[in-house]
Amino acid sequence: MQPQTHTRFERVRPGGSLGCEGSLFPADSPADSPADSPADSPEMRCPASARRHGSILQRGFTILELLVVISIVSILTAILMPALARVRDAAQRVQCASNLRQIGCALVDYGDDHRDRLPNLDVIQTSDPNNVKFAEAMTLTDLQGMGVDGLGRLLFGPITGSYLQTPEVLYCPSHRGDHPFERYERALMGIGPRTPGAAIYCNYHYRGTFDPVTRRHLPRPLAPETVLVVNGLRTRSDFSHVDGTNRLKADCSVDWYADTANAIYRALPVEPPVNAQPDLFSVLWDRIDKGGRQSAEP
């Protein structure tokens, strides 16, 4: 009589995978087999290299690998930063041109209410032609910081209270100097006191009604190509774009004057001028007037 043999079928667990040497169970799972199962024999055990496989996958970066990654990131950053800076400058230049267009519309509305007159710029109205304060044409108030002047008159309309949607329009996003909008925001919004004896400045230079080039009052009506407002010319830090300026003209158009040689920037004083010579601003405005017309879009 032949001895009875039993065929043993192993159960595959859900999610299980082939373990070492063809086992149907994970390497770290106990087998549902007797202790004398062939799987427990020395010949069927997992090699040491396979047991170390999990620890190899869990190790971190070496210092060398980390240094390589840092070097690659640094190189990519150095390549991309100039391009990103150019994109940022172009966007700020477009926003500056938009500000000037809104100022132009406000000047038109002001003229409708004041018999086609531009806002007075009293700070440069003087009987002494050698002491005209053209450098102060960025001010929104008188030099004592109390009454309004120049483009500051656009903030006080007879009906709406302001010809501008917000005072922030008078501030260029590229400004790097001492006159950001945040410095004067509370006073301009009427929620904070003004500082006595300190003028409030914007970031744009207003020509006013007294021409710095001819030293005479501007003719009426204005020629359409007459430049009325440009970026600040008080100091180098007020000249926001360095390599040129946006120009608002009497016909409300805005274009870009490119100064690739940085001649205007280099001609401006580093510190606020106490007694700046009017000739400086005559030369600068004449240069800006005669500059070639370019699109305000970069």
Protein backbone atom coordinates (compact mmCIF):
# COMPACT_ATOMS: atom_id res chain seq x y z
CA MET A 1 0.00 0.00 0.00
CA GLN A 2 1.41 3.32 -1.09
CA PRO A 3 1.80 5.97 1.64
CA GLN A 4 -0.72 8.80 1.28
CA THR A 5 0.81 12.07 0.15
CA HIS A 6 -0.66 15.49 0.75
CA THR A 7 -0.34 18.37 -1.68
CA ARG A 8 0.08 21.65 0.18
CA PHE A 9 -1.31 24.88 -1.33
CA GLU A 10 -0.04 28.16 0.09
CA ARG A 11 -2.41 31.07 0.50
CA VAL A 12 -1.56 34.36 -1.25
CA ARG A 13 -2.31 37.32 0.97
CA PRO A 14 -4.02 40.39 -0.46
CA GLY A 15 -1.43 42.88 -1.62
CA GLY A 16 1.32 40.29 -1.19
CA SER A 17 4.21 40.00 -3.60
CA LEU A 18 6.90 37.60 -4.36
CA GLY A 19 9.46 37.66 -1.60
CA CYS A 20 12.92 36.13 -1.60
CA GLU A 21 13.66 33.17 -3.81
CA GLY A 22 10.15 32.94 -5.26
CA SER A 23 8.18 33.03 -1.99
CA LEU A 24 4.61 34.28 -2.31
CA PHE A 25 4.88 36.24 0.93
CA PRO A 26 6.76 39.45 1.66
CA ALA A 27 10.22 38.84 2.97
CA ASP A 28 9.31 40.11 6.43
CA SER A 29 6.00 38.15 6.70
CA PRO A 30 5.89 34.81 8.51
CA ALA A 31 4.82 31.92 6.29
CA ASP A 32 1.79 29.87 7.21
CA SER A 33 3.76 26.66 6.97
CA PRO A 34 5.12 24.18 9.47
CA ALA A 35 8.44 24.91 11.08
CA ASP A 36 10.09 22.29 8.92
CA SER A 37 8.87 23.97 5.70
CA PRO A 38 11.42 23.97 2.91
CA ALA A 39 11.13 27.77 2.84
CA ASP A 40 12.93 27.85 6.18
CA SER A 41 15.83 25.80 4.96
CA PRO A 42 19.23 27.49 4.62
CA GLU A 43 19.04 27.07 0.88
CA MET A 44 15.80 29.15 0.61
CA ARG A 45 16.69 32.07 2.92
CA CYS A 46 17.02 35.65 1.58
CA PRO A 47 20.56 36.79 0.89
CA ALA A 48 21.98 39.61 3.02
CA SER A 49 22.07 42.01 0.04
CA ALA A 50 18.29 41.75 -0.32
CA ARG A 51 17.75 42.34 3.40
CA ARG A 52 19.79 45.53 3.12
CA HIS A 53 17.77 46.76 0.12
CA GLY A 54 15.21 48.66 2.23
CA SER A 55 17.86 50.51 4.22
CA ILE A 56 19.62 51.58 1.02
CA LEU A 57 16.43 53.20 -0.28
CA GLN A 58 15.90 55.11 2.96
CA ARG A 59 19.33 56.74 3.27
CA GLY A 60 19.65 60.55 2.76
CA PHE A 61 21.79 62.72 0.48
CA THR A 62 25.51 62.71 0.89
CA ILE A 63 27.31 66.03 1.35
CA LEU A 64 28.73 65.75 -2.16
CA GLU A 65 25.29 65.25 -3.69
CA LEU A 66 23.92 68.21 -1.71
CA LEU A 67 26.75 70.46 -2.89
CA VAL A 68 26.10 69.46 -6.50
CA VAL A 69 22.40 70.33 -6.19
CA ILE A 70 23.20 73.69 -4.56
CA SER A 71 25.68 74.49 -7.33
CA ILE A 72 23.13 73.71 -10.05
CA VAL A 73 20.46 75.83 -8.37
CA SER A 74 22.92 78.72 -7.99
CA ILE A 75 23.87 78.60 -11.67
CA LEU A 76 20.22 78.53 -12.79
CA THR A 77 19.40 81.43 -10.48
CA ALA A 78 22.28 83.49 -11.88
CA ILE A 79 21.01 82.82 -15.40
CA LEU A 80 17.35 83.61 -14.67
CA MET A 81 17.66 86.63 -12.36
CA PRO A 82 18.62 89.20 -15.06
CA ALA A 83 15.73 88.04 -17.23
CA LEU A 84 13.30 88.26 -14.33
CA ALA A 85 14.60 91.73 -13.45
CA ARG A 86 14.00 92.90 -17.03
CA VAL A 87 10.47 91.55 -16.95
CA ARG A 88 9.81 93.32 -13.64
CA ASP A 89 11.22 96.63 -14.94
CA ALA A 90 9.13 96.39 -18.10
CA ALA A 91 5.96 95.76 -16.08
CA GLN A 92 6.71 98.72 -13.81
CA ARG A 93 7.35 100.94 -16.82
CA VAL A 94 3.95 100.02 -18.24
CA GLN A 95 2.31 100.77 -14.88
CA CYS A 96 4.11 104.14 -14.79
CA ALA A 97 2.75 104.96 -18.26
CA SER A 98 -0.75 104.03 -17.05
CA ASN A 99 -0.34 106.43 -14.13
CA LEU A 100 0.57 109.24 -16.50
CA ARG A 101 -2.45 108.55 -18.71
CA GLN A 102 -4.70 108.86 -15.66
CA ILE A 103 -2.94 112.11 -14.71
CA GLY A 104 -3.53 113.35 -18.27
CA CYS A 105 -7.26 112.61 -18.02
CA ALA A 106 -7.34 114.40 -14.65
CA LEU A 107 -5.66 117.47 -16.20
CA VAL A 108 -8.32 117.53 -18.92
CA ASP A 109 -11.10 117.36 -16.32
CA TYR A 110 -9.39 120.08 -14.29
CA GLY A 111 -9.18 122.26 -17.40
CA ASP A 112 -12.90 121.79 -18.06
CA ASP A 113 -13.64 123.18 -14.61
CA HIS A 114 -11.09 126.02 -14.78
CA ARG A 115 -11.54 127.59 -18.23
CA ASP A 116 -8.96 125.38 -19.94
CA ARG A 117 -6.20 126.27 -17.51
CA LEU A 118 -3.56 123.94 -16.11
CA PRO A 119 -3.07 123.69 -12.35
CA ASN A 120 -0.78 126.44 -11.08
CA LEU A 121 2.65 125.54 -9.79
CA ASP A 122 3.21 128.38 -7.38
CA VAL A 123 6.55 127.08 -6.15
CA ILE A 124 8.22 128.20 -9.38
CA GLN A 125 6.34 131.48 -9.76
CA THR A 126 8.96 134.05 -8.84
CA SER A 127 10.08 137.45 -10.05
CA ASP A 128 13.72 136.36 -9.81
CA PRO A 129 14.58 134.35 -12.96
CA ASN A 130 17.82 133.15 -11.37
CA ASN A 131 16.06 131.64 -8.36
CA VAL A 132 13.27 129.64 -9.97
CA LYS A 133 12.78 126.44 -7.96
CA PHE A 134 12.27 124.05 -10.86
CA ALA A 135 13.69 121.26 -8.70
CA GLU A 136 10.63 121.50 -6.46
CA ALA A 137 8.13 120.84 -9.25
CA MET A 138 7.48 117.36 -7.76
CA THR A 139 5.71 118.87 -4.75
CA LEU A 140 1.99 118.39 -4.11
CA THR A 141 1.91 121.09 -1.44
CA ASP A 142 3.64 124.36 -0.79
CA LEU A 143 7.10 124.06 0.75
CA GLN A 144 5.58 124.48 4.23
CA GLY A 145 3.42 121.40 3.67
CA MET A 146 0.12 123.16 4.23
CA GLY A 147 -1.57 124.42 1.03
CA VAL A 148 -1.83 122.37 -2.18
CA ASP A 149 0.25 123.13 -5.25
CA GLY A 150 0.96 121.74 -8.70
CA LEU A 151 -0.39 118.24 -9.31
CA GLY A 152 -1.67 118.28 -5.75
CA ARG A 153 -4.56 120.42 -7.01
CA LEU A 154 -5.87 117.35 -8.83
CA LEU A 155 -6.70 115.80 -5.47
CA PHE A 156 -9.36 118.42 -4.72
CA GLY A 157 -12.16 118.68 -7.26
CA PRO A 158 -15.24 120.87 -6.80
CA ILE A 159 -17.71 117.97 -7.01
CA THR A 160 -16.08 114.59 -6.62
CA GLY A 161 -13.40 115.75 -4.19
CA SER A 162 -10.62 114.51 -6.48
CA TYR A 163 -9.86 114.32 -10.19
CA LEU A 164 -7.85 111.15 -9.53
CA GLN A 165 -9.23 107.79 -8.50
CA THR A 166 -6.50 107.43 -5.88
CA PRO A 167 -3.46 109.51 -4.83
CA GLU A 168 -1.28 106.46 -5.50
CA VAL A 169 -1.51 107.29 -9.22
CA LEU A 170 0.99 110.09 -8.48
CA TYR A 171 3.65 107.56 -7.44
CA CYS A 172 5.77 105.49 -9.81
CA PRO A 173 6.16 101.78 -8.97
CA SER A 174 9.86 102.01 -9.92
CA HIS A 175 10.63 104.76 -7.40
CA ARG A 176 13.78 104.08 -5.36
CA GLY A 177 14.12 107.38 -3.50
CA ASP A 178 12.85 109.07 -0.36
CA HIS A 179 9.29 109.71 -1.54
CA PRO A 180 7.31 106.46 -1.71
CA PHE A 181 3.54 106.55 -1.47
CA GLU A 182 3.61 104.83 1.92
CA ARG A 183 5.44 107.80 3.42
CA TYR A 184 2.59 110.20 2.64
CA GLU A 185 -0.35 107.81 2.42
CA ARG A 186 -2.07 108.80 5.67
CA ALA A 187 -1.82 112.52 4.95
CA LEU A 188 -2.98 112.13 1.33
CA MET A 189 -5.92 109.93 2.28
CA GLY A 190 -7.00 112.46 4.91
CA ILE A 191 -6.59 110.03 7.81
CA GLY A 192 -3.43 111.47 9.26
CA PRO A 193 -1.93 114.88 10.01
CA ARG A 194 0.51 116.65 7.73
CA THR A 195 3.96 117.48 9.04
CA PRO A 196 4.28 121.27 9.41
CA GLY A 197 7.20 122.69 7.49
CA ALA A 198 7.61 119.59 5.31
CA ALA A 199 6.32 119.45 1.75
CA ILE A 200 4.65 116.35 0.29
CA TYR A 201 6.30 115.14 -2.90
CA CYS A 202 5.07 112.83 -5.64
CA ASN A 203 7.23 110.87 -8.11
CA TYR A 204 6.47 112.94 -11.22
CA HIS A 205 7.90 116.25 -12.37
CA TYR A 206 5.25 118.73 -13.47
CA ARG A 207 6.13 121.40 -16.01
CA GLY A 208 3.53 123.82 -14.74
CA THR A 209 2.47 126.92 -16.62
CA PHE A 210 5.93 128.54 -16.50
CA ASP A 211 8.17 126.97 -19.13
CA PRO A 212 11.61 126.03 -17.76
CA VAL A 213 13.08 126.21 -21.29
CA THR A 214 11.82 129.62 -22.47
CA ARG A 215 11.37 131.08 -18.95
CA ARG A 216 7.97 132.31 -20.07
CA HIS A 217 4.41 131.22 -19.47
CA LEU A 218 3.25 128.45 -21.74
CA PRO A 219 1.16 129.64 -24.69
CA ARG A 220 -2.53 128.92 -24.95
CA PRO A 221 -3.70 126.73 -26.51
CA LEU A 222 -0.90 124.26 -25.93
CA ALA A 223 0.74 122.48 -28.83
CA PRO A 224 -0.25 118.77 -28.73
CA GLU A 225 3.39 117.66 -28.46
CA THR A 226 4.11 119.80 -25.37
CA VAL A 227 5.53 117.59 -22.62
CA LEU A 228 3.72 118.29 -19.34
CA VAL A 229 4.80 115.54 -16.92
CA VAL A 230 7.83 113.26 -16.72
CA ASN A 231 9.47 111.13 -14.05
CA GLY A 232 11.00 112.97 -11.11
CA LEU A 233 14.02 115.20 -11.80
CA ARG A 234 14.77 116.42 -8.28
CA THR A 235 17.59 113.96 -7.57
CA ARG A 236 19.03 110.82 -9.12
CA SER A 237 16.94 108.61 -6.86
CA ASP A 238 13.81 110.45 -8.02
CA PHE A 239 14.53 109.62 -11.67
CA SER A 240 12.81 106.28 -11.39
CA HIS A 241 13.81 104.43 -14.57
CA VAL A 242 17.46 105.59 -14.94
CA ASP A 243 17.64 104.79 -18.67
CA GLY A 244 14.75 107.03 -19.72
CA THR A 245 11.41 108.48 -18.75
CA ASN A 246 7.77 108.25 -19.67
CA ARG A 247 6.39 111.52 -21.04
CA LEU A 248 2.83 112.81 -20.77
CA LYS A 249 2.01 115.25 -23.55
CA ALA A 250 -0.68 117.87 -23.92
CA ASP A 251 -2.75 115.62 -26.19
CA CYS A 252 -2.85 113.05 -23.31
CA SER A 253 -0.58 110.64 -25.17
CA VAL A 254 2.22 108.91 -23.30
CA ASP A 255 5.46 107.77 -24.86
CA TRP A 256 8.89 106.64 -23.74
CA TYR A 257 12.02 108.77 -24.03
CA ALA A 258 15.01 106.42 -24.11
CA ASP A 259 18.20 107.77 -22.56
CA THR A 260 20.54 104.87 -23.19
CA ALA A 261 23.59 106.94 -22.28
CA ASN A 262 22.03 107.82 -18.89
CA ALA A 263 22.80 111.49 -19.59
CA ILE A 264 19.80 112.78 -17.62
CA TYR A 265 20.51 110.54 -14.65
CA ARG A 266 24.18 111.59 -14.49
CA ALA A 267 23.27 115.28 -14.75
CA LEU A 268 20.96 115.18 -11.74
CA PRO A 269 22.26 115.97 -8.24
CA VAL A 270 22.75 113.14 -5.78
CA GLU A 271 21.32 115.10 -2.85
CA PRO A 272 18.27 117.38 -2.89
CA PRO A 273 19.45 120.71 -4.31
CA VAL A 274 19.19 123.73 -2.03
CA ASN A 275 19.77 126.33 -4.73
CA ALA A 276 19.77 124.40 -7.99
CA GLN A 277 20.61 126.48 -11.03
CA PRO A 278 17.62 126.93 -13.36
CA ASP A 279 19.93 126.32 -16.32
CA LEU A 280 20.17 122.66 -15.33
CA PHE A 281 16.43 122.14 -15.73
CA SER A 282 16.33 124.22 -18.91
CA VAL A 283 18.83 121.82 -20.44
CA LEU A 284 17.05 118.72 -19.13
CA TRP A 285 13.57 119.76 -20.27
CA ASP A 286 14.95 120.82 -23.65
CA ARG A 287 16.57 117.39 -24.04
CA ILE A 288 13.32 115.66 -23.07
CA ASP A 289 11.27 117.85 -25.42
CA LYS A 290 13.48 117.06 -28.39
CA GLY A 291 13.80 113.34 -27.70
CA GLY A 292 12.44 110.97 -30.29
CA ARG A 293 8.98 109.61 -29.77
CA GLN A 294 8.82 105.94 -28.86
CA SER A 295 6.02 103.71 -27.72
CA ALA A 296 5.38 103.60 -24.00
CA GLU A 297 5.21 99.82 -24.31
CA PRO A 298 8.65 98.20 -23.78
